[in-house]
Amino acid sequence: IDVDGSITYTDSVKGRFTISKDNGKKTLYLQMNSLKPED
């Protein structure tokens, strides 16, 4: 997540991973779905 809020993923995880943040909790998350052995 860049300074302006834009989000970027590496190609291998697009459509499977989601990055997000909760400013109130000061917590960063990475939701990982459809995991593969190469992850």
PDB file of all heavy atoms in Angstrom:
ATOM      1  N   ILE A   1       0.872  -1.175   0.000  1.00  0.00           N
ATOM      2  CA  ILE A   1       0.000   0.000   0.000  1.00  0.00           C
ATOM      3  C   ILE A   1       0.903   1.217   0.000  1.00  0.00           C
ATOM      4  O   ILE A   1       1.677   1.422   0.933  1.00  0.00           O
ATOM      5  CB  ILE A   1      -0.932   0.028   1.223  1.00  0.00           C
ATOM      6  CG1 ILE A   1      -1.791  -1.230   1.284  1.00  0.00           C
ATOM      7  CG2 ILE A   1      -1.818   1.272   1.177  1.00  0.00           C
ATOM      8  CD1 ILE A   1      -2.681  -1.311   2.502  1.00  0.00           C
ATOM      9  N   ASP A   2       0.806   2.012  -1.038  1.00  0.00           N
ATOM     10  CA  ASP A   2       1.678   3.159  -1.179  1.00  0.00           C
ATOM     11  C   ASP A   2       1.175   4.330  -0.328  1.00  0.00           C
ATOM     12  O   ASP A   2       0.104   4.268   0.288  1.00  0.00           O
ATOM     13  CB  ASP A   2       1.771   3.574  -2.643  1.00  0.00           C
ATOM     14  CG  ASP A   2       3.102   4.215  -2.991  1.00  0.00           C
ATOM     15  OD1 ASP A   2       3.819   4.648  -2.066  1.00  0.00           O
ATOM     16  OD2 ASP A   2       3.432   4.288  -4.194  1.00  0.00           O
ATOM     17  N   VAL A   3       1.955   5.388  -0.313  1.00  0.00           N
ATOM     18  CA  VAL A   3       1.627   6.568   0.480  1.00  0.00           C
ATOM     19  C   VAL A   3       0.254   7.137   0.112  1.00  0.00           C
ATOM     20  O   VAL A   3      -0.486   7.602   0.978  1.00  0.00           O
ATOM     21  CB  VAL A   3       2.714   7.639   0.317  1.00  0.00           C
ATOM     22  CG1 VAL A   3       2.328   8.915   1.042  1.00  0.00           C
ATOM     23  CG2 VAL A   3       4.048   7.123   0.836  1.00  0.00           C
ATOM     24  N   ASP A   4      -0.092   7.082  -1.175  1.00  0.00           N
ATOM     25  CA  ASP A   4      -1.367   7.630  -1.633  1.00  0.00           C
ATOM     26  C   ASP A   4      -2.525   6.652  -1.502  1.00  0.00           C
ATOM     27  O   ASP A   4      -3.642   6.948  -1.927  1.00  0.00           O
ATOM     28  CB  ASP A   4      -1.254   8.109  -3.078  1.00  0.00           C
ATOM     29  CG  ASP A   4      -0.944   6.992  -4.054  1.00  0.00           C
ATOM     30  OD1 ASP A   4      -0.759   5.839  -3.613  1.00  0.00           O
ATOM     31  OD2 ASP A   4      -0.887   7.266  -5.263  1.00  0.00           O
ATOM     32  N   GLY A   5      -2.271   5.480  -0.948  1.00  0.00           N
ATOM     33  CA  GLY A   5      -3.305   4.482  -0.757  1.00  0.00           C
ATOM     34  C   GLY A   5      -3.433   3.467  -1.871  1.00  0.00           C
ATOM     35  O   GLY A   5      -4.217   2.516  -1.748  1.00  0.00           O
ATOM     36  N   SER A   6      -2.719   3.649  -2.938  1.00  0.00           N
ATOM     37  CA  SER A   6      -2.784   2.709  -4.045  1.00  0.00           C
ATOM     38  C   SER A   6      -2.205   1.361  -3.631  1.00  0.00           C
ATOM     39  O   SER A   6      -1.271   1.296  -2.826  1.00  0.00           O
ATOM     40  CB  SER A   6      -2.053   3.249  -5.268  1.00  0.00           C
ATOM     41  OG  SER A   6      -0.680   3.451  -4.989  1.00  0.00           O
ATOM     42  N   ILE A   7      -2.749   0.305  -4.187  1.00  0.00           N
ATOM     43  CA  ILE A   7      -2.369  -1.052  -3.824  1.00  0.00           C
ATOM     44  C   ILE A   7      -1.744  -1.757  -5.014  1.00  0.00           C
ATOM     45  O   ILE A   7      -2.231  -1.651  -6.141  1.00  0.00           O
ATOM     46  CB  ILE A   7      -3.590  -1.837  -3.318  1.00  0.00           C
ATOM     47  CG1 ILE A   7      -4.107  -1.213  -2.016  1.00  0.00           C
ATOM     48  CG2 ILE A   7      -3.247  -3.306  -3.120  1.00  0.00           C
ATOM     49  CD1 ILE A   7      -5.385  -1.828  -1.495  1.00  0.00           C
ATOM     50  N   THR A   8      -0.683  -2.466  -4.748  1.00  0.00           N
ATOM     51  CA  THR A   8       0.024  -3.200  -5.782  1.00  0.00           C
ATOM     52  C   THR A   8       0.284  -4.622  -5.312  1.00  0.00           C
ATOM     53  O   THR A   8       0.645  -4.847  -4.159  1.00  0.00           O
ATOM     54  CB  THR A   8       1.364  -2.525  -6.118  1.00  0.00           C
ATOM     55  OG1 THR A   8       1.141  -1.160  -6.494  1.00  0.00           O
ATOM     56  CG2 THR A   8       2.046  -3.243  -7.269  1.00  0.00           C
ATOM     57  N   TYR A   9       0.104  -5.579  -6.220  1.00  0.00           N
ATOM     58  CA  TYR A   9       0.394  -6.973  -5.947  1.00  0.00           C
ATOM     59  C   TYR A   9       1.386  -7.505  -6.964  1.00  0.00           C
ATOM     60  O   TYR A   9       1.393  -7.086  -8.128  1.00  0.00           O
ATOM     61  CB  TYR A   9      -0.864  -7.840  -6.038  1.00  0.00           C
ATOM     62  CG  TYR A   9      -1.951  -7.493  -5.057  1.00  0.00           C
ATOM     63  CD1 TYR A   9      -3.018  -6.685  -5.432  1.00  0.00           C
ATOM     64  CD2 TYR A   9      -1.923  -7.987  -3.753  1.00  0.00           C
ATOM     65  CE1 TYR A   9      -4.029  -6.374  -4.537  1.00  0.00           C
ATOM     66  CE2 TYR A   9      -2.930  -7.681  -2.859  1.00  0.00           C
ATOM     67  CZ  TYR A   9      -3.981  -6.873  -3.253  1.00  0.00           C
ATOM     68  OH  TYR A   9      -4.991  -6.571  -2.356  1.00  0.00           O
ATOM     69  N   THR A  10       2.185  -8.441  -6.529  1.00  0.00           N
ATOM     70  CA  THR A  10       3.002  -9.144  -7.491  1.00  0.00           C
ATOM     71  C   THR A  10       2.088 -10.064  -8.297  1.00  0.00           C
ATOM     72  O   THR A  10       1.053 -10.525  -7.804  1.00  0.00           O
ATOM     73  CB  THR A  10       4.119  -9.943  -6.791  1.00  0.00           C
ATOM     74  OG1 THR A  10       5.048 -10.428  -7.758  1.00  0.00           O
ATOM     75  CG2 THR A  10       3.553 -11.112  -6.012  1.00  0.00           C
ATOM     76  N   ASP A  11       2.447 -10.320  -9.536  1.00  0.00           N
ATOM     77  CA  ASP A  11       1.562 -11.034 -10.448  1.00  0.00           C
ATOM     78  C   ASP A  11       1.118 -12.401  -9.924  1.00  0.00           C
ATOM     79  O   ASP A  11      -0.020 -12.821 -10.141  1.00  0.00           O
ATOM     80  CB  ASP A  11       2.236 -11.218 -11.811  1.00  0.00           C
ATOM     81  CG  ASP A  11       2.314  -9.931 -12.599  1.00  0.00           C
ATOM     82  OD1 ASP A  11       1.574  -8.984 -12.282  1.00  0.00           O
ATOM     83  OD2 ASP A  11       3.119  -9.871 -13.549  1.00  0.00           O
ATOM     84  N   SER A  12       1.996 -13.084  -9.246  1.00  0.00           N
ATOM     85  CA  SER A  12       1.708 -14.448  -8.827  1.00  0.00           C
ATOM     86  C   SER A  12       0.603 -14.560  -7.777  1.00  0.00           C
ATOM     87  O   SER A  12       0.068 -15.650  -7.560  1.00  0.00           O
ATOM     88  CB  SER A  12       2.973 -15.126  -8.306  1.00  0.00           C
ATOM     89  OG  SER A  12       3.465 -14.479  -7.145  1.00  0.00           O
ATOM     90  N   VAL A  13       0.247 -13.458  -7.127  1.00  0.00           N
ATOM     91  CA  VAL A  13      -0.776 -13.518  -6.084  1.00  0.00           C
ATOM     92  C   VAL A  13      -2.035 -12.746  -6.434  1.00  0.00           C
ATOM     93  O   VAL A  13      -2.998 -12.757  -5.657  1.00  0.00           O
ATOM     94  CB  VAL A  13      -0.239 -13.024  -4.726  1.00  0.00           C
ATOM     95  CG1 VAL A  13       1.055 -13.741  -4.373  1.00  0.00           C
ATOM     96  CG2 VAL A  13      -0.031 -11.517  -4.729  1.00  0.00           C
ATOM     97  N   LYS A  14      -2.062 -12.105  -7.578  1.00  0.00           N
ATOM     98  CA  LYS A  14      -3.235 -11.332  -7.981  1.00  0.00           C
ATOM     99  C   LYS A  14      -4.468 -12.225  -8.068  1.00  0.00           C
ATOM    100  O   LYS A  14      -4.432 -13.306  -8.635  1.00  0.00           O
ATOM    101  CB  LYS A  14      -2.987 -10.649  -9.325  1.00  0.00           C
ATOM    102  CG  LYS A  14      -2.003  -9.503  -9.258  1.00  0.00           C
ATOM    103  CD  LYS A  14      -1.814  -8.848 -10.626  1.00  0.00           C
ATOM    104  CE  LYS A  14      -0.849  -7.680 -10.534  1.00  0.00           C
ATOM    105  NZ  LYS A  14      -0.600  -7.060 -11.863  1.00  0.00           N
ATOM    106  N   GLY A  15      -5.545 -11.746  -7.489  1.00  0.00           N
ATOM    107  CA  GLY A  15      -6.773 -12.509  -7.474  1.00  0.00           C
ATOM    108  C   GLY A  15      -6.883 -13.475  -6.328  1.00  0.00           C
ATOM    109  O   GLY A  15      -7.966 -14.041  -6.096  1.00  0.00           O
ATOM    110  N   ARG A  16      -5.798 -13.676  -5.600  1.00  0.00           N
ATOM    111  CA  ARG A  16      -5.799 -14.619  -4.487  1.00  0.00           C
ATOM    112  C   ARG A  16      -5.524 -13.940  -3.144  1.00  0.00           C
ATOM    113  O   ARG A  16      -6.084 -14.337  -2.123  1.00  0.00           O
ATOM    114  CB  ARG A  16      -4.749 -15.706  -4.707  1.00  0.00           C
ATOM    115  CG  ARG A  16      -4.973 -16.527  -5.973  1.00  0.00           C
ATOM    116  CD  ARG A  16      -4.030 -17.721  -6.029  1.00  0.00           C
ATOM    117  NE  ARG A  16      -2.621 -17.311  -6.086  1.00  0.00           N
ATOM    118  CZ  ARG A  16      -1.707 -17.642  -5.181  1.00  0.00           C
ATOM    119  NH1 ARG A  16      -2.036 -18.403  -4.140  1.00  0.00           N
ATOM    120  NH2 ARG A  16      -0.450 -17.237  -5.318  1.00  0.00           N
ATOM    121  N   PHE A  17      -4.661 -12.944  -3.143  1.00  0.00           N
ATOM    122  CA  PHE A  17      -4.281 -12.255  -1.911  1.00  0.00           C
ATOM    123  C   PHE A  17      -4.909 -10.871  -1.872  1.00  0.00           C
ATOM    124  O   PHE A  17      -5.086 -10.215  -2.909  1.00  0.00           O
ATOM    125  CB  PHE A  17      -2.765 -12.094  -1.821  1.00  0.00           C
ATOM    126  CG  PHE A  17      -1.997 -13.369  -1.600  1.00  0.00           C
ATOM    127  CD1 PHE A  17      -2.597 -14.613  -1.707  1.00  0.00           C
ATOM    128  CD2 PHE A  17      -0.648 -13.308  -1.280  1.00  0.00           C
ATOM    129  CE1 PHE A  17      -1.886 -15.777  -1.506  1.00  0.00           C
ATOM    130  CE2 PHE A  17       0.081 -14.464  -1.072  1.00  0.00           C
ATOM    131  CZ  PHE A  17      -0.536 -15.704  -1.188  1.00  0.00           C
ATOM    132  N   THR A  18      -5.203 -10.417  -0.668  1.00  0.00           N
ATOM    133  CA  THR A  18      -5.739  -9.082  -0.473  1.00  0.00           C
ATOM    134  C   THR A  18      -5.033  -8.415   0.697  1.00  0.00           C
ATOM    135  O   THR A  18      -5.018  -8.948   1.807  1.00  0.00           O
ATOM    136  CB  THR A  18      -7.247  -9.111  -0.192  1.00  0.00           C
ATOM    137  OG1 THR A  18      -7.932  -9.750  -1.276  1.00  0.00           O
ATOM    138  CG2 THR A  18      -7.784  -7.687  -0.041  1.00  0.00           C
ATOM    139  N   ILE A  19      -4.456  -7.263   0.445  1.00  0.00           N
ATOM    140  CA  ILE A  19      -3.820  -6.494   1.506  1.00  0.00           C
ATOM    141  C   ILE A  19      -4.799  -5.427   1.983  1.00  0.00           C
ATOM    142  O   ILE A  19      -5.524  -4.832   1.193  1.00  0.00           O
ATOM    143  CB  ILE A  19      -2.498  -5.856   1.025  1.00  0.00           C
ATOM    144  CG1 ILE A  19      -1.756  -5.188   2.189  1.00  0.00           C
ATOM    145  CG2 ILE A  19      -2.741  -4.869  -0.109  1.00  0.00           C
ATOM    146  CD1 ILE A  19      -0.356  -4.703   1.826  1.00  0.00           C
ATOM    147  N   SER A  20      -4.816  -5.198   3.269  1.00  0.00           N
ATOM    148  CA  SER A  20      -5.691  -4.187   3.832  1.00  0.00           C
ATOM    149  C   SER A  20      -5.111  -3.692   5.138  1.00  0.00           C
ATOM    150  O   SER A  20      -4.166  -4.276   5.674  1.00  0.00           O
ATOM    151  CB  SER A  20      -7.105  -4.739   4.046  1.00  0.00           C
ATOM    152  OG  SER A  20      -7.096  -5.804   4.979  1.00  0.00           O
ATOM    153  N   LYS A  21      -5.676  -2.631   5.644  1.00  0.00           N
ATOM    154  CA  LYS A  21      -5.220  -2.095   6.918  1.00  0.00           C
ATOM    155  C   LYS A  21      -6.388  -1.559   7.717  1.00  0.00           C
ATOM    156  O   LYS A  21      -7.407  -1.154   7.171  1.00  0.00           O
ATOM    157  CB  LYS A  21      -4.179  -0.992   6.699  1.00  0.00           C
ATOM    158  CG  LYS A  21      -4.704   0.223   5.938  1.00  0.00           C
ATOM    159  CD  LYS A  21      -3.628   1.284   5.774  1.00  0.00           C
ATOM    160  CE  LYS A  21      -4.162   2.491   5.011  1.00  0.00           C
ATOM    161  NZ  LYS A  21      -3.126   3.545   4.854  1.00  0.00           N
ATOM    162  N   ASP A  22      -6.219  -1.577   9.009  1.00  0.00           N
ATOM    163  CA  ASP A  22      -7.187  -1.010   9.931  1.00  0.00           C
ATOM    164  C   ASP A  22      -6.446   0.073  10.701  1.00  0.00           C
ATOM    165  O   ASP A  22      -5.632  -0.231  11.574  1.00  0.00           O
ATOM    166  CB  ASP A  22      -7.735  -2.078  10.873  1.00  0.00           C
ATOM    167  CG  ASP A  22      -8.853  -1.564  11.759  1.00  0.00           C
ATOM    168  OD1 ASP A  22      -8.790  -0.401  12.210  1.00  0.00           O
ATOM    169  OD2 ASP A  22      -9.803  -2.327  12.020  1.00  0.00           O
ATOM    170  N   ASN A  23      -6.716   1.306  10.344  1.00  0.00           N
ATOM    171  CA  ASN A  23      -5.983   2.410  10.963  1.00  0.00           C
ATOM    172  C   ASN A  23      -6.281   2.546  12.451  1.00  0.00           C
ATOM    173  O   ASN A  23      -5.405   2.924  13.233  1.00  0.00           O
ATOM    174  CB  ASN A  23      -6.309   3.720  10.245  1.00  0.00           C
ATOM    175  CG  ASN A  23      -5.740   3.769   8.852  1.00  0.00           C
ATOM    176  OD1 ASN A  23      -4.662   3.229   8.588  1.00  0.00           O
ATOM    177  ND2 ASN A  23      -6.444   4.420   7.936  1.00  0.00           N
ATOM    178  N   GLY A  24      -7.514   2.250  12.840  1.00  0.00           N
ATOM    179  CA  GLY A  24      -7.865   2.332  14.242  1.00  0.00           C
ATOM    180  C   GLY A  24      -7.107   1.335  15.092  1.00  0.00           C
ATOM    181  O   GLY A  24      -6.681   1.645  16.204  1.00  0.00           O
ATOM    182  N   LYS A  25      -6.940   0.132  14.567  1.00  0.00           N
ATOM    183  CA  LYS A  25      -6.216  -0.913  15.281  1.00  0.00           C
ATOM    184  C   LYS A  25      -4.725  -0.895  14.986  1.00  0.00           C
ATOM    185  O   LYS A  25      -3.972  -1.658  15.585  1.00  0.00           O
ATOM    186  CB  LYS A  25      -6.785  -2.286  14.929  1.00  0.00           C
ATOM    187  CG  LYS A  25      -8.224  -2.495  15.357  1.00  0.00           C
ATOM    188  CD  LYS A  25      -8.700  -3.891  14.984  1.00  0.00           C
ATOM    189  CE  LYS A  25     -10.130  -4.117  15.437  1.00  0.00           C
ATOM    190  NZ  LYS A  25     -10.609  -5.475  15.068  1.00  0.00           N
ATOM    191  N   LYS A  26      -4.327  -0.033  14.063  1.00  0.00           N
ATOM    192  CA  LYS A  26      -2.927   0.048  13.638  1.00  0.00           C
ATOM    193  C   LYS A  26      -2.413  -1.329  13.243  1.00  0.00           C
ATOM    194  O   LYS A  26      -1.354  -1.784  13.696  1.00  0.00           O
ATOM    195  CB  LYS A  26      -2.063   0.670  14.734  1.00  0.00           C
ATOM    196  CG  LYS A  26      -2.436   2.105  15.059  1.00  0.00           C
ATOM    197  CD  LYS A  26      -1.416   2.777  15.965  1.00  0.00           C
ATOM    198  CE  LYS A  26      -1.413   2.161  17.345  1.00  0.00           C
ATOM    199  NZ  LYS A  26      -0.469   2.878  18.262  1.00  0.00           N
ATOM    200  N   THR A  27      -3.177  -1.970  12.395  1.00  0.00           N
ATOM    201  CA  THR A  27      -2.866  -3.330  11.984  1.00  0.00           C
ATOM    202  C   THR A  27      -2.940  -3.470  10.471  1.00  0.00           C
ATOM    203  O   THR A  27      -3.873  -2.978   9.836  1.00  0.00           O
ATOM    204  CB  THR A  27      -3.823  -4.329  12.643  1.00  0.00           C
ATOM    205  OG1 THR A  27      -3.740  -4.206  14.073  1.00  0.00           O
ATOM    206  CG2 THR A  27      -3.463  -5.751  12.261  1.00  0.00           C
ATOM    207  N   LEU A  28      -1.976  -4.143   9.917  1.00  0.00           N
ATOM    208  CA  LEU A  28      -1.920  -4.462   8.503  1.00  0.00           C
ATOM    209  C   LEU A  28      -2.258  -5.938   8.326  1.00  0.00           C
ATOM    210  O   LEU A  28      -1.816  -6.774   9.118  1.00  0.00           O
ATOM    211  CB  LEU A  28      -0.523  -4.173   7.956  1.00  0.00           C
ATOM    212  CG  LEU A  28      -0.276  -4.418   6.475  1.00  0.00           C
ATOM    213  CD1 LEU A  28      -0.991  -3.362   5.634  1.00  0.00           C
ATOM    214  CD2 LEU A  28       1.220  -4.414   6.186  1.00  0.00           C
ATOM    215  N   TYR A  29      -3.025  -6.257   7.284  1.00  0.00           N
ATOM    216  CA  TYR A  29      -3.458  -7.630   7.053  1.00  0.00           C
ATOM    217  C   TYR A  29      -3.073  -8.103   5.658  1.00  0.00           C
ATOM    218  O   TYR A  29      -2.938  -7.310   4.723  1.00  0.00           O
ATOM    219  CB  TYR A  29      -4.980  -7.754   7.180  1.00  0.00           C
ATOM    220  CG  TYR A  29      -5.540  -7.343   8.515  1.00  0.00           C
ATOM    221  CD1 TYR A  29      -6.089  -6.075   8.694  1.00  0.00           C
ATOM    222  CD2 TYR A  29      -5.533  -8.214   9.593  1.00  0.00           C
ATOM    223  CE1 TYR A  29      -6.618  -5.692   9.908  1.00  0.00           C
ATOM    224  CE2 TYR A  29      -6.059  -7.846  10.815  1.00  0.00           C
ATOM    225  CZ  TYR A  29      -6.601  -6.584  10.974  1.00  0.00           C
ATOM    226  OH  TYR A  29      -7.127  -6.206  12.184  1.00  0.00           O
ATOM    227  N   LEU A  30      -2.925  -9.394   5.543  1.00  0.00           N
ATOM    228  CA  LEU A  30      -2.798 -10.025   4.245  1.00  0.00           C
ATOM    229  C   LEU A  30      -3.679 -11.266   4.248  1.00  0.00           C
ATOM    230  O   LEU A  30      -3.361 -12.260   4.903  1.00  0.00           O
ATOM    231  CB  LEU A  30      -1.347 -10.409   3.930  1.00  0.00           C
ATOM    232  CG  LEU A  30      -1.125 -11.001   2.545  1.00  0.00           C
ATOM    233  CD1 LEU A  30      -1.383  -9.943   1.467  1.00  0.00           C
ATOM    234  CD2 LEU A  30       0.290 -11.563   2.407  1.00  0.00           C
ATOM    235  N   GLN A  31      -4.799 -11.179   3.542  1.00  0.00           N
ATOM    236  CA  GLN A  31      -5.676 -12.322   3.384  1.00  0.00           C
ATOM    237  C   GLN A  31      -5.183 -13.139   2.205  1.00  0.00           C
ATOM    238  O   GLN A  31      -5.071 -12.626   1.094  1.00  0.00           O
ATOM    239  CB  GLN A  31      -7.114 -11.862   3.141  1.00  0.00           C
ATOM    240  CG  GLN A  31      -8.108 -12.995   2.918  1.00  0.00           C
ATOM    241  CD  GLN A  31      -8.298 -13.856   4.140  1.00  0.00           C
ATOM    242  OE1 GLN A  31      -8.471 -13.344   5.242  1.00  0.00           O
ATOM    243  NE2 GLN A  31      -8.259 -15.170   3.956  1.00  0.00           N
ATOM    244  N   MET A  32      -4.892 -14.395   2.441  1.00  0.00           N
ATOM    245  CA  MET A  32      -4.339 -15.268   1.425  1.00  0.00           C
ATOM    246  C   MET A  32      -5.311 -16.412   1.172  1.00  0.00           C
ATOM    247  O   MET A  32      -5.558 -17.233   2.057  1.00  0.00           O
ATOM    248  CB  MET A  32      -2.980 -15.809   1.843  1.00  0.00           C
ATOM    249  CG  MET A  32      -1.973 -14.716   2.207  1.00  0.00           C
ATOM    250  SD  MET A  32      -0.323 -15.378   2.570  1.00  0.00           S
ATOM    251  CE  MET A  32      -0.681 -16.325   4.048  1.00  0.00           C
ATOM    252  N   ASN A  33      -5.861 -16.449  -0.024  1.00  0.00           N
ATOM    253  CA  ASN A  33      -6.783 -17.497  -0.422  1.00  0.00           C
ATOM    254  C   ASN A  33      -6.179 -18.328  -1.544  1.00  0.00           C
ATOM    255  O   ASN A  33      -5.238 -17.910  -2.207  1.00  0.00           O
ATOM    256  CB  ASN A  33      -8.112 -16.893  -0.885  1.00  0.00           C
ATOM    257  CG  ASN A  33      -8.828 -16.126   0.198  1.00  0.00           C
ATOM    258  OD1 ASN A  33      -8.788 -16.487   1.367  1.00  0.00           O
ATOM    259  ND2 ASN A  33      -9.514 -15.052  -0.192  1.00  0.00           N
ATOM    260  N   SER A  34      -6.754 -19.493  -1.754  1.00  0.00           N
ATOM    261  CA  SER A  34      -6.294 -20.388  -2.817  1.00  0.00           C
ATOM    262  C   SER A  34      -4.787 -20.579  -2.778  1.00  0.00           C
ATOM    263  O   SER A  34      -4.095 -20.472  -3.795  1.00  0.00           O
ATOM    264  CB  SER A  34      -6.734 -19.844  -4.183  1.00  0.00           C
ATOM    265  OG  SER A  34      -8.137 -19.719  -4.257  1.00  0.00           O
ATOM    266  N   LEU A  35      -4.285 -20.855  -1.614  1.00  0.00           N
ATOM    267  CA  LEU A  35      -2.844 -20.975  -1.434  1.00  0.00           C
ATOM    268  C   LEU A  35      -2.266 -22.132  -2.237  1.00  0.00           C
ATOM    269  O   LEU A  35      -2.897 -23.178  -2.388  1.00  0.00           O
ATOM    270  CB  LEU A  35      -2.514 -21.143   0.038  1.00  0.00           C
ATOM    271  CG  LEU A  35      -2.596 -19.849   0.858  1.00  0.00           C
ATOM    272  CD1 LEU A  35      -2.676 -20.156   2.340  1.00  0.00           C
ATOM    273  CD2 LEU A  35      -1.393 -18.966   0.554  1.00  0.00           C
ATOM    274  N   LYS A  36      -1.062 -21.916  -2.719  1.00  0.00           N
ATOM    275  CA  LYS A  36      -0.348 -22.888  -3.518  1.00  0.00           C
ATOM    276  C   LYS A  36       0.963 -23.246  -2.833  1.00  0.00           C
ATOM    277  O   LYS A  36       1.496 -22.449  -2.058  1.00  0.00           O
ATOM    278  CB  LYS A  36      -0.051 -22.318  -4.910  1.00  0.00           C
ATOM    279  CG  LYS A  36      -1.270 -21.848  -5.678  1.00  0.00           C
ATOM    280  CD  LYS A  36      -0.861 -21.192  -6.992  1.00  0.00           C
ATOM    281  CE  LYS A  36      -2.070 -20.712  -7.766  1.00  0.00           C
ATOM    282  NZ  LYS A  36      -1.670 -20.059  -9.048  1.00  0.00           N
ATOM    283  N   PRO A  37       1.508 -24.414  -3.125  1.00  0.00           N
ATOM    284  CA  PRO A  37       2.794 -24.786  -2.518  1.00  0.00           C
ATOM    285  C   PRO A  37       3.889 -23.749  -2.758  1.00  0.00           C
ATOM    286  O   PRO A  37       4.739 -23.546  -1.882  1.00  0.00           O
ATOM    287  CB  PRO A  37       3.121 -26.115  -3.197  1.00  0.00           C
ATOM    288  CG  PRO A  37       1.785 -26.709  -3.486  1.00  0.00           C
ATOM    289  CD  PRO A  37       0.931 -25.530  -3.886  1.00  0.00           C
ATOM    290  N   GLU A  38       3.874 -23.102  -3.898  1.00  0.00           N
ATOM    291  CA  GLU A  38       4.879 -22.094  -4.197  1.00  0.00           C
ATOM    292  C   GLU A  38       4.737 -20.824  -3.366  1.00  0.00           C
ATOM    293  O   GLU A  38       5.595 -19.944  -3.417  1.00  0.00           O
ATOM    294  CB  GLU A  38       4.884 -21.735  -5.693  1.00  0.00           C
ATOM    295  CG  GLU A  38       3.510 -21.430  -6.256  1.00  0.00           C
ATOM    296  CD  GLU A  38       2.884 -22.633  -6.945  1.00  0.00           C
ATOM    297  OE1 GLU A  38       2.923 -23.735  -6.370  1.00  0.00           O
ATOM    298  OE2 GLU A  38       2.365 -22.474  -8.068  1.00  0.00           O
ATOM    299  N   ASP A  39       3.662 -20.717  -2.596  1.00  0.00           N
ATOM    300  CA  ASP A  39       3.508 -19.607  -1.668  1.00  0.00           C
ATOM    301  C   ASP A  39       4.263 -19.844  -0.366  1.00  0.00           C
ATOM    302  O   ASP A  39       4.350 -18.943   0.475  1.00  0.00           O
ATOM    303  CB  ASP A  39       2.033 -19.362  -1.346  1.00  0.00           C
ATOM    304  CG  ASP A  39       1.240 -18.901  -2.553  1.00  0.00           C
ATOM    305  OD1 ASP A  39       1.744 -18.066  -3.325  1.00  0.00           O
ATOM    306  OD2 ASP A  39       0.089 -19.373  -2.720  1.00  0.00           O
TER     307      ASP A  39
END
